[in-house]
Amino acid sequence: MKNSYLHNTKMILAVSLILILSMFHLSGCCMKKLPPLKTVESVDIQRFQGKWYVIASIPTWIEKSAYNALESYRLDADGTIAVTFTFRKNNFDGPLKTYTPRGFILDKTSNAVWGMQFIWPWKAEYLITYLNDDYTQTIIARNKRDYVWIMARTPTITEEEYAKLFTELITQGYETSKLRKVPQRWQD
């Protein structure tokens, strides 16, 4: 009787495990796959160069506690982009962190698709999916919708401008609950 009970219990556990794994498999098959992001038609790299303040982001692990985040771009003679990313860690007086990845323009027709190289030989996807006409606000995105950056030429933007960019992220399929406004406080 005891062996029969153990056998039945093991069978129930095995069947339950198979059902649970099947549900995970089916849920993965049925998840909505988002279409590739559409980049802007054209980026004038000369105009895109310079300082960009990170207004908000779905941050990478490096920048989760960033304050005064600033990204600067410079076109080098070899056609690559020298990037300097700086921020204060944890608060406005925290240690200054500086990263210098290299940008590679992968779509030379639009200049809107880059590979961002932090560690050789890997290049992270970097898509310019929004850029206003006067080159003062931009969105840098990824098809995975895992990270995103709203950036501006000034450390702050109006609530109306932010709402417009926030809506753009929703349109692109981002989970905006993960978006973090980056604290910015600069002295003249």
N, C-alpha and C. Protein backbone atom coordinates (compact mmCIF):
# COMPACT_ATOMS: atom_id res chain seq x y z
N MET A 1 0.83 -1.19 0.00
CA MET A 1 0.00 0.00 0.00
C MET A 1 0.87 1.25 0.00
N LYS A 2 1.95 1.20 0.84
CA LYS A 2 2.85 2.34 0.93
C LYS A 2 3.56 2.59 -0.40
N ASN A 3 4.02 1.53 -1.08
CA ASN A 3 4.68 1.65 -2.37
C ASN A 3 3.74 2.20 -3.43
N SER A 4 2.49 1.80 -3.38
CA SER A 4 1.50 2.30 -4.32
C SER A 4 1.27 3.79 -4.13
N TYR A 5 1.22 4.23 -2.87
CA TYR A 5 1.03 5.66 -2.56
C TYR A 5 2.22 6.47 -3.08
N LEU A 6 3.44 6.02 -2.85
CA LEU A 6 4.64 6.71 -3.32
C LEU A 6 4.68 6.76 -4.84
N HIS A 7 4.32 5.64 -5.47
CA HIS A 7 4.29 5.59 -6.93
C HIS A 7 3.31 6.61 -7.50
N ASN A 8 2.10 6.67 -6.92
CA ASN A 8 1.08 7.63 -7.37
C ASN A 8 1.53 9.08 -7.14
N THR A 9 2.16 9.34 -6.01
CA THR A 9 2.65 10.68 -5.71
C THR A 9 3.72 11.10 -6.72
N LYS A 10 4.63 10.18 -7.03
CA LYS A 10 5.67 10.48 -8.02
C LYS A 10 5.06 10.73 -9.39
N MET A 11 4.05 9.95 -9.74
CA MET A 11 3.39 10.13 -11.04
C MET A 11 2.70 11.49 -11.10
N ILE A 12 2.02 11.86 -10.04
CA ILE A 12 1.33 13.17 -10.00
C ILE A 12 2.34 14.30 -10.12
N LEU A 13 3.45 14.20 -9.41
CA LEU A 13 4.50 15.22 -9.49
C LEU A 13 5.08 15.30 -10.90
N ALA A 14 5.33 14.15 -11.51
CA ALA A 14 5.90 14.12 -12.86
C ALA A 14 4.93 14.75 -13.87
N VAL A 15 3.67 14.38 -13.78
CA VAL A 15 2.66 14.94 -14.70
C VAL A 15 2.52 16.44 -14.46
N SER A 16 2.54 16.87 -13.19
CA SER A 16 2.43 18.30 -12.87
C SER A 16 3.60 19.07 -13.45
N LEU A 17 4.79 18.51 -13.31
CA LEU A 17 5.99 19.16 -13.85
C LEU A 17 5.90 19.29 -15.37
N ILE A 18 5.46 18.23 -16.03
CA ILE A 18 5.31 18.27 -17.49
C ILE A 18 4.28 19.33 -17.89
N LEU A 19 3.18 19.41 -17.17
CA LEU A 19 2.15 20.42 -17.48
C LEU A 19 2.68 21.84 -17.28
N ILE A 20 3.41 22.05 -16.19
CA ILE A 20 3.97 23.39 -15.93
C ILE A 20 4.97 23.78 -17.02
N LEU A 21 5.86 22.87 -17.36
CA LEU A 21 6.84 23.16 -18.42
C LEU A 21 6.14 23.40 -19.76
N SER A 22 5.10 22.66 -20.03
CA SER A 22 4.34 22.85 -21.27
C SER A 22 3.69 24.23 -21.30
N MET A 23 3.17 24.66 -20.15
CA MET A 23 2.54 25.98 -20.10
C MET A 23 3.56 27.08 -20.36
N PHE A 24 4.77 26.95 -19.78
CA PHE A 24 5.82 27.94 -20.03
C PHE A 24 6.20 27.95 -21.50
N HIS A 25 6.32 26.78 -22.09
CA HIS A 25 6.67 26.68 -23.50
C HIS A 25 5.59 27.34 -24.37
N LEU A 26 4.34 27.01 -24.09
CA LEU A 26 3.25 27.59 -24.88
C LEU A 26 3.13 29.09 -24.68
N SER A 27 3.34 29.56 -23.46
CA SER A 27 3.25 31.00 -23.24
C SER A 27 4.35 31.72 -24.00
N GLY A 28 5.53 31.11 -24.11
CA GLY A 28 6.62 31.71 -24.89
C GLY A 28 6.28 31.74 -26.37
N CYS A 29 5.59 30.73 -26.85
CA CYS A 29 5.21 30.68 -28.27
C CYS A 29 4.12 31.69 -28.60
N CYS A 30 3.30 31.98 -27.63
CA CYS A 30 2.14 32.83 -27.88
C CYS A 30 2.39 34.28 -27.52
N MET A 31 3.57 34.62 -26.98
CA MET A 31 3.85 36.00 -26.61
C MET A 31 3.90 36.87 -27.87
N LYS A 32 3.41 38.07 -27.73
CA LYS A 32 3.38 39.00 -28.85
C LYS A 32 4.80 39.43 -29.18
N LYS A 33 5.21 39.18 -30.40
CA LYS A 33 6.53 39.61 -30.85
C LYS A 33 6.40 41.00 -31.45
N LEU A 34 7.20 41.92 -30.95
CA LEU A 34 7.14 43.29 -31.42
C LEU A 34 7.90 43.43 -32.74
N PRO A 35 7.40 44.26 -33.62
CA PRO A 35 8.09 44.47 -34.90
C PRO A 35 9.38 45.26 -34.68
N PRO A 36 10.32 45.19 -35.62
CA PRO A 36 11.54 45.98 -35.50
C PRO A 36 11.20 47.47 -35.40
N LEU A 37 12.00 48.19 -34.65
CA LEU A 37 11.79 49.62 -34.51
C LEU A 37 12.14 50.35 -35.81
N LYS A 38 11.44 51.42 -36.06
CA LYS A 38 11.71 52.25 -37.22
C LYS A 38 12.63 53.39 -36.77
N THR A 39 13.73 53.55 -37.46
CA THR A 39 14.65 54.65 -37.13
C THR A 39 14.25 55.90 -37.91
N VAL A 40 14.86 57.01 -37.54
CA VAL A 40 14.61 58.24 -38.29
C VAL A 40 15.20 58.08 -39.69
N GLU A 41 14.67 58.86 -40.62
CA GLU A 41 15.11 58.72 -42.02
C GLU A 41 16.56 59.13 -42.23
N SER A 42 16.98 60.19 -41.54
CA SER A 42 18.31 60.70 -41.78
C SER A 42 18.84 61.44 -40.55
N VAL A 43 20.11 61.22 -40.27
CA VAL A 43 20.79 61.93 -39.18
C VAL A 43 22.01 62.63 -39.76
N ASP A 44 22.07 63.94 -39.58
CA ASP A 44 23.25 64.72 -39.95
C ASP A 44 24.24 64.57 -38.79
N ILE A 45 25.27 63.77 -38.99
CA ILE A 45 26.20 63.45 -37.91
C ILE A 45 26.89 64.71 -37.39
N GLN A 46 27.18 65.66 -38.26
CA GLN A 46 27.80 66.90 -37.80
C GLN A 46 26.90 67.61 -36.79
N ARG A 47 25.60 67.66 -37.06
CA ARG A 47 24.66 68.30 -36.13
C ARG A 47 24.41 67.46 -34.88
N PHE A 48 24.53 66.15 -35.00
CA PHE A 48 24.26 65.25 -33.88
C PHE A 48 25.39 65.26 -32.85
N GLN A 49 26.58 65.66 -33.27
CA GLN A 49 27.73 65.69 -32.37
C GLN A 49 27.47 66.63 -31.20
N GLY A 50 28.24 66.44 -30.14
CA GLY A 50 28.17 67.34 -29.00
C GLY A 50 27.53 66.68 -27.79
N LYS A 51 27.12 67.53 -26.84
CA LYS A 51 26.59 67.07 -25.57
C LYS A 51 25.10 66.77 -25.63
N TRP A 52 24.72 65.67 -24.99
CA TRP A 52 23.33 65.27 -24.82
C TRP A 52 23.12 64.87 -23.36
N TYR A 53 22.20 65.54 -22.68
CA TYR A 53 21.86 65.20 -21.30
C TYR A 53 20.84 64.06 -21.32
N VAL A 54 21.06 63.06 -20.47
CA VAL A 54 20.12 61.95 -20.38
C VAL A 54 18.97 62.39 -19.45
N ILE A 55 17.81 62.58 -20.04
CA ILE A 55 16.63 63.05 -19.31
C ILE A 55 15.95 61.88 -18.59
N ALA A 56 15.85 60.75 -19.27
CA ALA A 56 15.24 59.56 -18.69
C ALA A 56 15.77 58.34 -19.44
N SER A 57 15.68 57.19 -18.79
CA SER A 57 16.14 55.97 -19.44
C SER A 57 15.53 54.75 -18.78
N ILE A 58 15.52 53.67 -19.54
CA ILE A 58 15.44 52.35 -18.94
C ILE A 58 16.91 51.96 -18.90
N PRO A 59 17.51 52.09 -17.74
CA PRO A 59 18.98 52.05 -17.65
C PRO A 59 19.58 50.65 -17.71
N THR A 60 20.83 50.63 -18.14
CA THR A 60 21.65 49.43 -18.00
C THR A 60 22.05 49.34 -16.53
N TRP A 61 22.63 48.24 -16.13
CA TRP A 61 23.03 48.07 -14.73
C TRP A 61 24.07 49.09 -14.32
N ILE A 62 24.87 49.56 -15.25
CA ILE A 62 25.92 50.54 -14.95
C ILE A 62 25.33 51.86 -14.49
N GLU A 63 24.21 52.26 -15.09
CA GLU A 63 23.68 53.61 -14.87
C GLU A 63 22.42 53.67 -14.03
N LYS A 64 22.10 52.61 -13.31
CA LYS A 64 20.85 52.57 -12.53
C LYS A 64 20.77 53.67 -11.47
N SER A 65 21.89 54.11 -10.95
CA SER A 65 21.88 55.15 -9.92
C SER A 65 22.59 56.41 -10.41
N ALA A 66 22.44 56.72 -11.71
CA ALA A 66 23.13 57.86 -12.31
C ALA A 66 22.44 59.18 -11.99
N TYR A 67 23.25 60.18 -11.73
CA TYR A 67 22.84 61.57 -11.58
C TYR A 67 23.69 62.37 -12.56
N ASN A 68 23.14 63.44 -13.11
CA ASN A 68 23.87 64.30 -14.07
C ASN A 68 24.49 63.48 -15.20
N ALA A 69 23.73 62.57 -15.76
CA ALA A 69 24.23 61.75 -16.87
C ALA A 69 24.33 62.59 -18.14
N LEU A 70 25.47 62.50 -18.78
CA LEU A 70 25.76 63.30 -19.96
C LEU A 70 26.50 62.43 -20.97
N GLU A 71 26.04 62.46 -22.21
CA GLU A 71 26.69 61.70 -23.28
C GLU A 71 27.17 62.69 -24.33
N SER A 72 28.42 62.54 -24.76
CA SER A 72 29.00 63.43 -25.78
C SER A 72 29.49 62.60 -26.95
N TYR A 73 29.26 63.12 -28.15
CA TYR A 73 29.65 62.44 -29.38
C TYR A 73 30.59 63.32 -30.20
N ARG A 74 31.61 62.68 -30.78
CA ARG A 74 32.53 63.38 -31.68
C ARG A 74 32.88 62.45 -32.84
N LEU A 75 32.65 62.94 -34.06
CA LEU A 75 33.00 62.17 -35.25
C LEU A 75 34.50 62.23 -35.45
N ASP A 76 35.14 61.06 -35.50
CA ASP A 76 36.58 60.99 -35.74
C ASP A 76 36.87 60.85 -37.23
N ALA A 77 38.11 61.08 -37.60
CA ALA A 77 38.53 61.05 -39.00
C ALA A 77 38.28 59.69 -39.65
N ASP A 78 38.30 58.62 -38.86
CA ASP A 78 38.09 57.28 -39.43
C ASP A 78 36.61 56.94 -39.61
N GLY A 79 35.71 57.90 -39.30
CA GLY A 79 34.28 57.69 -39.49
C GLY A 79 33.58 57.07 -38.29
N THR A 80 34.33 56.76 -37.23
CA THR A 80 33.71 56.25 -36.03
C THR A 80 33.37 57.41 -35.09
N ILE A 81 32.57 57.11 -34.09
CA ILE A 81 32.12 58.13 -33.15
C ILE A 81 32.81 57.91 -31.81
N ALA A 82 33.57 58.91 -31.37
CA ALA A 82 34.15 58.88 -30.03
C ALA A 82 33.05 59.30 -29.07
N VAL A 83 32.77 58.45 -28.09
CA VAL A 83 31.70 58.71 -27.14
C VAL A 83 32.29 58.84 -25.75
N THR A 84 31.80 59.82 -25.01
CA THR A 84 32.15 59.95 -23.60
C THR A 84 30.85 60.02 -22.82
N PHE A 85 30.66 59.06 -21.92
CA PHE A 85 29.46 58.99 -21.09
C PHE A 85 29.90 59.20 -19.65
N THR A 86 29.39 60.26 -19.01
CA THR A 86 29.75 60.55 -17.63
C THR A 86 28.49 60.69 -16.78
N PHE A 87 28.65 60.37 -15.50
CA PHE A 87 27.57 60.59 -14.54
C PHE A 87 28.14 60.51 -13.14
N ARG A 88 27.38 61.02 -12.19
CA ARG A 88 27.70 60.89 -10.78
C ARG A 88 26.93 59.69 -10.24
N LYS A 89 27.61 58.86 -9.47
CA LYS A 89 26.98 57.65 -8.95
C LYS A 89 26.28 57.92 -7.62
N ASN A 90 25.00 57.54 -7.54
CA ASN A 90 24.18 57.56 -6.33
C ASN A 90 23.63 58.92 -5.92
N ASN A 91 24.33 60.01 -6.20
CA ASN A 91 23.83 61.34 -5.86
C ASN A 91 24.66 62.40 -6.60
N PHE A 92 24.28 63.66 -6.45
CA PHE A 92 24.96 64.72 -7.18
C PHE A 92 26.42 64.90 -6.75
N ASP A 93 26.77 64.46 -5.56
CA ASP A 93 28.15 64.58 -5.08
C ASP A 93 28.89 63.24 -5.14
N GLY A 94 28.26 62.23 -5.71
CA GLY A 94 28.86 60.91 -5.78
C GLY A 94 30.06 60.87 -6.70
N PRO A 95 30.74 59.75 -6.70
CA PRO A 95 31.93 59.63 -7.56
C PRO A 95 31.57 59.77 -9.04
N LEU A 96 32.44 60.46 -9.76
CA LEU A 96 32.26 60.64 -11.20
C LEU A 96 32.65 59.36 -11.92
N LYS A 97 31.75 58.86 -12.73
CA LYS A 97 32.02 57.67 -13.54
C LYS A 97 32.13 58.12 -15.00
N THR A 98 33.10 57.59 -15.71
CA THR A 98 33.31 57.94 -17.11
C THR A 98 33.51 56.67 -17.93
N TYR A 99 32.78 56.57 -19.03
CA TYR A 99 32.91 55.45 -19.96
C TYR A 99 33.14 56.02 -21.34
N THR A 100 33.97 55.34 -22.13
CA THR A 100 34.32 55.84 -23.46
C THR A 100 34.14 54.76 -24.52
N PRO A 101 32.89 54.39 -24.80
CA PRO A 101 32.68 53.42 -25.87
C PRO A 101 32.94 54.07 -27.24
N ARG A 102 32.93 53.27 -28.25
CA ARG A 102 33.13 53.75 -29.63
C ARG A 102 31.89 53.42 -30.41
N GLY A 103 31.37 54.42 -31.15
CA GLY A 103 30.20 54.21 -31.99
C GLY A 103 30.60 53.92 -33.43
N PHE A 104 29.93 52.95 -34.03
CA PHE A 104 30.18 52.58 -35.43
C PHE A 104 28.88 52.76 -36.19
N ILE A 105 28.87 53.62 -37.18
CA ILE A 105 27.67 53.85 -37.98
C ILE A 105 27.52 52.66 -38.92
N LEU A 106 26.46 51.90 -38.73
CA LEU A 106 26.24 50.68 -39.52
C LEU A 106 25.39 50.93 -40.75
N ASP A 107 24.50 51.91 -40.70
CA ASP A 107 23.67 52.27 -41.86
C ASP A 107 24.13 53.63 -42.34
N LYS A 108 24.99 53.63 -43.35
CA LYS A 108 25.58 54.88 -43.86
C LYS A 108 24.60 55.72 -44.66
N THR A 109 23.45 55.15 -45.03
CA THR A 109 22.43 55.91 -45.76
C THR A 109 21.68 56.83 -44.82
N SER A 110 21.25 56.30 -43.67
CA SER A 110 20.48 57.12 -42.73
C SER A 110 21.33 57.66 -41.58
N ASN A 111 22.43 57.01 -41.27
CA ASN A 111 23.26 57.31 -40.09
C ASN A 111 22.49 57.11 -38.78
N ALA A 112 21.39 56.38 -38.80
CA ALA A 112 20.54 56.21 -37.62
C ALA A 112 20.72 54.86 -36.94
N VAL A 113 21.52 53.98 -37.52
CA VAL A 113 21.76 52.66 -36.93
C VAL A 113 23.25 52.55 -36.62
N TRP A 114 23.53 52.41 -35.34
CA TRP A 114 24.92 52.31 -34.89
C TRP A 114 25.14 51.01 -34.14
N GLY A 115 26.39 50.65 -34.03
CA GLY A 115 26.83 49.64 -33.09
C GLY A 115 27.65 50.38 -32.05
N MET A 116 27.35 50.17 -30.77
CA MET A 116 28.09 50.85 -29.70
C MET A 116 28.98 49.82 -29.02
N GLN A 117 30.29 50.05 -29.12
CA GLN A 117 31.25 49.06 -28.63
C GLN A 117 31.85 49.51 -27.30
N PHE A 118 31.47 48.79 -26.24
CA PHE A 118 32.07 49.01 -24.93
C PHE A 118 33.25 48.06 -24.73
N ILE A 119 33.10 46.84 -25.25
CA ILE A 119 34.13 45.81 -25.13
C ILE A 119 34.31 45.18 -26.51
N TRP A 120 35.55 45.13 -26.98
CA TRP A 120 35.83 44.50 -28.27
C TRP A 120 35.58 43.01 -28.13
N PRO A 121 34.98 42.35 -29.07
CA PRO A 121 34.54 42.78 -30.39
C PRO A 121 33.03 43.07 -30.46
N TRP A 122 32.34 43.07 -29.31
CA TRP A 122 30.88 43.18 -29.31
C TRP A 122 30.41 44.61 -29.50
N LYS A 123 29.37 44.74 -30.30
CA LYS A 123 28.74 46.04 -30.53
C LYS A 123 27.26 45.93 -30.16
N ALA A 124 26.84 46.79 -29.24
CA ALA A 124 25.44 46.82 -28.82
C ALA A 124 24.63 47.64 -29.83
N GLU A 125 23.41 47.20 -30.04
CA GLU A 125 22.50 47.90 -30.95
C GLU A 125 22.17 49.29 -30.40
N TYR A 126 22.21 50.28 -31.27
CA TYR A 126 21.99 51.68 -30.92
C TYR A 126 21.20 52.29 -32.07
N LEU A 127 19.90 52.52 -31.84
CA LEU A 127 19.01 53.00 -32.90
C LEU A 127 18.49 54.39 -32.56
N ILE A 128 18.64 55.32 -33.47
CA ILE A 128 18.08 56.66 -33.30
C ILE A 128 16.66 56.61 -33.86
N THR A 129 15.69 56.49 -32.96
CA THR A 129 14.30 56.29 -33.38
C THR A 129 13.48 57.57 -33.33
N TYR A 130 14.03 58.59 -32.72
CA TYR A 130 13.35 59.90 -32.71
C TYR A 130 14.43 60.97 -32.66
N LEU A 131 14.25 62.01 -33.46
CA LEU A 131 15.15 63.16 -33.46
C LEU A 131 14.34 64.34 -33.97
N ASN A 132 14.18 65.35 -33.13
CA ASN A 132 13.38 66.49 -33.59
C ASN A 132 14.16 67.32 -34.61
N ASP A 133 13.46 68.18 -35.32
CA ASP A 133 14.05 68.92 -36.45
C ASP A 133 15.23 69.80 -36.06
N ASP A 134 15.21 70.35 -34.84
CA ASP A 134 16.30 71.24 -34.46
C ASP A 134 17.41 70.53 -33.67
N TYR A 135 17.38 69.19 -33.67
CA TYR A 135 18.44 68.38 -33.05
C TYR A 135 18.64 68.74 -31.57
N THR A 136 17.52 68.92 -30.85
CA THR A 136 17.61 69.22 -29.42
C THR A 136 17.03 68.11 -28.55
N GLN A 137 16.34 67.14 -29.15
CA GLN A 137 15.79 66.01 -28.39
C GLN A 137 15.88 64.76 -29.25
N THR A 138 16.21 63.65 -28.59
CA THR A 138 16.36 62.39 -29.31
C THR A 138 15.97 61.22 -28.42
N ILE A 139 15.65 60.11 -29.07
CA ILE A 139 15.43 58.84 -28.38
C ILE A 139 16.37 57.82 -29.01
N ILE A 140 17.13 57.15 -28.15
CA ILE A 140 18.01 56.07 -28.57
C ILE A 140 17.39 54.78 -28.03
N ALA A 141 17.14 53.82 -28.92
CA ALA A 141 16.37 52.64 -28.55
C ALA A 141 17.05 51.36 -29.03
N ARG A 142 16.44 50.23 -28.66
CA ARG A 142 16.90 48.91 -29.07
C ARG A 142 15.70 48.05 -29.42
N ASN A 143 15.84 47.20 -30.41
CA ASN A 143 14.73 46.34 -30.82
C ASN A 143 14.25 45.42 -29.71
N LYS A 144 15.12 45.04 -28.80
CA LYS A 144 14.71 44.18 -27.68
C LYS A 144 13.79 44.92 -26.70
N ARG A 145 13.77 46.24 -26.79
CA ARG A 145 13.00 47.09 -25.86
C ARG A 145 13.47 46.89 -24.42
N ASP A 146 14.76 46.56 -24.25
CA ASP A 146 15.30 46.38 -22.90
C ASP A 146 15.86 47.67 -22.33
N TYR A 147 16.46 48.50 -23.15
CA TYR A 147 17.02 49.77 -22.71
C TYR A 147 16.54 50.87 -23.66
N VAL A 148 16.49 52.09 -23.14
CA VAL A 148 16.15 53.24 -23.96
C VAL A 148 16.66 54.50 -23.26
N TRP A 149 16.96 55.53 -24.06
CA TRP A 149 17.44 56.79 -23.52
C TRP A 149 16.72 57.94 -24.19
N ILE A 150 16.12 58.81 -23.37
CA ILE A 150 15.58 60.09 -23.84
C ILE A 150 16.66 61.11 -23.52
N MET A 151 17.12 61.84 -24.53
CA MET A 151 18.19 62.80 -24.32
C MET A 151 17.82 64.15 -24.92
N ALA A 152 18.43 65.19 -24.36
CA ALA A 152 18.19 66.55 -24.83
C ALA A 152 19.48 67.36 -24.74
N ARG A 153 19.50 68.47 -25.44
CA ARG A 153 20.67 69.35 -25.41
C ARG A 153 20.72 70.18 -24.12
N THR A 154 19.62 70.19 -23.39
CA THR A 154 19.55 70.92 -22.13
C THR A 154 19.30 69.91 -21.00
N PRO A 155 19.68 70.24 -19.76
CA PRO A 155 19.50 69.28 -18.66
C PRO A 155 18.06 69.02 -18.28
N THR A 156 17.15 69.88 -18.69
CA THR A 156 15.73 69.67 -18.42
C THR A 156 14.92 69.99 -19.66
N ILE A 157 13.73 69.41 -19.72
CA ILE A 157 12.78 69.74 -20.78
C ILE A 157 11.43 69.99 -20.12
N THR A 158 10.50 70.58 -20.85
CA THR A 158 9.19 70.85 -20.28
C THR A 158 8.41 69.56 -20.09
N GLU A 159 7.39 69.62 -19.25
CA GLU A 159 6.53 68.45 -19.04
C GLU A 159 5.83 68.05 -20.33
N GLU A 160 5.45 69.05 -21.16
CA GLU A 160 4.80 68.75 -22.44
C GLU A 160 5.75 68.01 -23.37
N GLU A 161 7.00 68.45 -23.41
CA GLU A 161 7.99 67.77 -24.26
C GLU A 161 8.24 66.34 -23.75
N TYR A 162 8.33 66.20 -22.44
CA TYR A 162 8.54 64.87 -21.86
C TYR A 162 7.36 63.96 -22.18
N ALA A 163 6.15 64.50 -22.04
CA ALA A 163 4.95 63.70 -22.33
C ALA A 163 4.94 63.22 -23.78
N LYS A 164 5.38 64.06 -24.69
CA LYS A 164 5.44 63.69 -26.11
C LYS A 164 6.43 62.54 -26.32
N LEU A 165 7.59 62.63 -25.71
CA LEU A 165 8.61 61.59 -25.85
C LEU A 165 8.17 60.30 -25.15
N PHE A 166 7.51 60.43 -24.01
CA PHE A 166 6.97 59.29 -23.28
C PHE A 166 5.95 58.55 -24.15
N THR A 167 5.07 59.31 -24.80
CA THR A 167 4.07 58.72 -25.70
C THR A 167 4.74 58.02 -26.87
N GLU A 168 5.82 58.60 -27.37
CA GLU A 168 6.58 57.98 -28.46
C GLU A 168 7.11 56.61 -28.02
N LEU A 169 7.57 56.50 -26.78
CA LEU A 169 8.06 55.21 -26.28
C LEU A 169 6.94 54.17 -26.19
N ILE A 170 5.75 54.61 -25.80
CA ILE A 170 4.61 53.70 -25.77
C ILE A 170 4.31 53.20 -27.18
N THR A 171 4.33 54.11 -28.15
CA THR A 171 4.10 53.76 -29.55
C THR A 171 5.14 52.74 -30.04
N GLN A 172 6.37 52.88 -29.55
CA GLN A 172 7.45 51.97 -29.96
C GLN A 172 7.37 50.60 -29.27
N GLY A 173 6.47 50.46 -28.29
CA GLY A 173 6.30 49.18 -27.64
C GLY A 173 7.09 49.00 -26.35
N TYR A 174 7.58 50.08 -25.79
CA TYR A 174 8.33 50.00 -24.54
C TYR A 174 7.42 49.86 -23.33
N GLU A 175 7.91 49.15 -22.32
CA GLU A 175 7.23 49.06 -21.03
C GLU A 175 7.70 50.27 -20.22
N THR A 176 6.93 51.33 -20.24
CA THR A 176 7.35 52.60 -19.69
C THR A 176 7.39 52.62 -18.16
N SER A 177 6.86 51.61 -17.51
CA SER A 177 6.94 51.56 -16.04
C SER A 177 8.39 51.42 -15.58
N LYS A 178 9.26 50.96 -16.46
CA LYS A 178 10.68 50.80 -16.13
C LYS A 178 11.49 52.09 -16.37
N LEU A 179 10.85 53.10 -16.94
CA LEU A 179 11.54 54.35 -17.26
C LEU A 179 11.90 55.09 -15.98
N ARG A 180 13.12 55.59 -15.91
CA ARG A 180 13.62 56.34 -14.75
C ARG A 180 14.07 57.72 -15.22
N LYS A 181 13.51 58.76 -14.60
CA LYS A 181 14.00 60.12 -14.87
C LYS A 181 15.36 60.25 -14.20
N VAL A 182 16.31 60.80 -14.95
CA VAL A 182 17.66 60.97 -14.43
C VAL A 182 17.76 62.33 -13.76
N PRO A 183 18.09 62.38 -12.48
CA PRO A 183 18.23 63.68 -11.82
C PRO A 183 19.35 64.50 -12.47
N GLN A 184 19.04 65.74 -12.82
CA GLN A 184 20.00 66.64 -13.45
C GLN A 184 20.03 67.95 -12.65
N ARG A 185 21.19 68.35 -12.22
CA ARG A 185 21.37 69.63 -11.53
C ARG A 185 22.75 70.15 -11.89
N TRP A 186 22.77 71.22 -12.66
CA TRP A 186 24.02 71.79 -13.15
C TRP A 186 24.13 73.25 -12.72
N GLN A 187 25.32 73.65 -12.42
CA GLN A 187 25.56 75.06 -12.08
C GLN A 187 26.13 75.76 -13.29
N ASP A 188 25.71 77.02 -13.47
CA ASP A 188 26.20 77.79 -14.64
C ASP A 188 27.67 78.10 -14.55
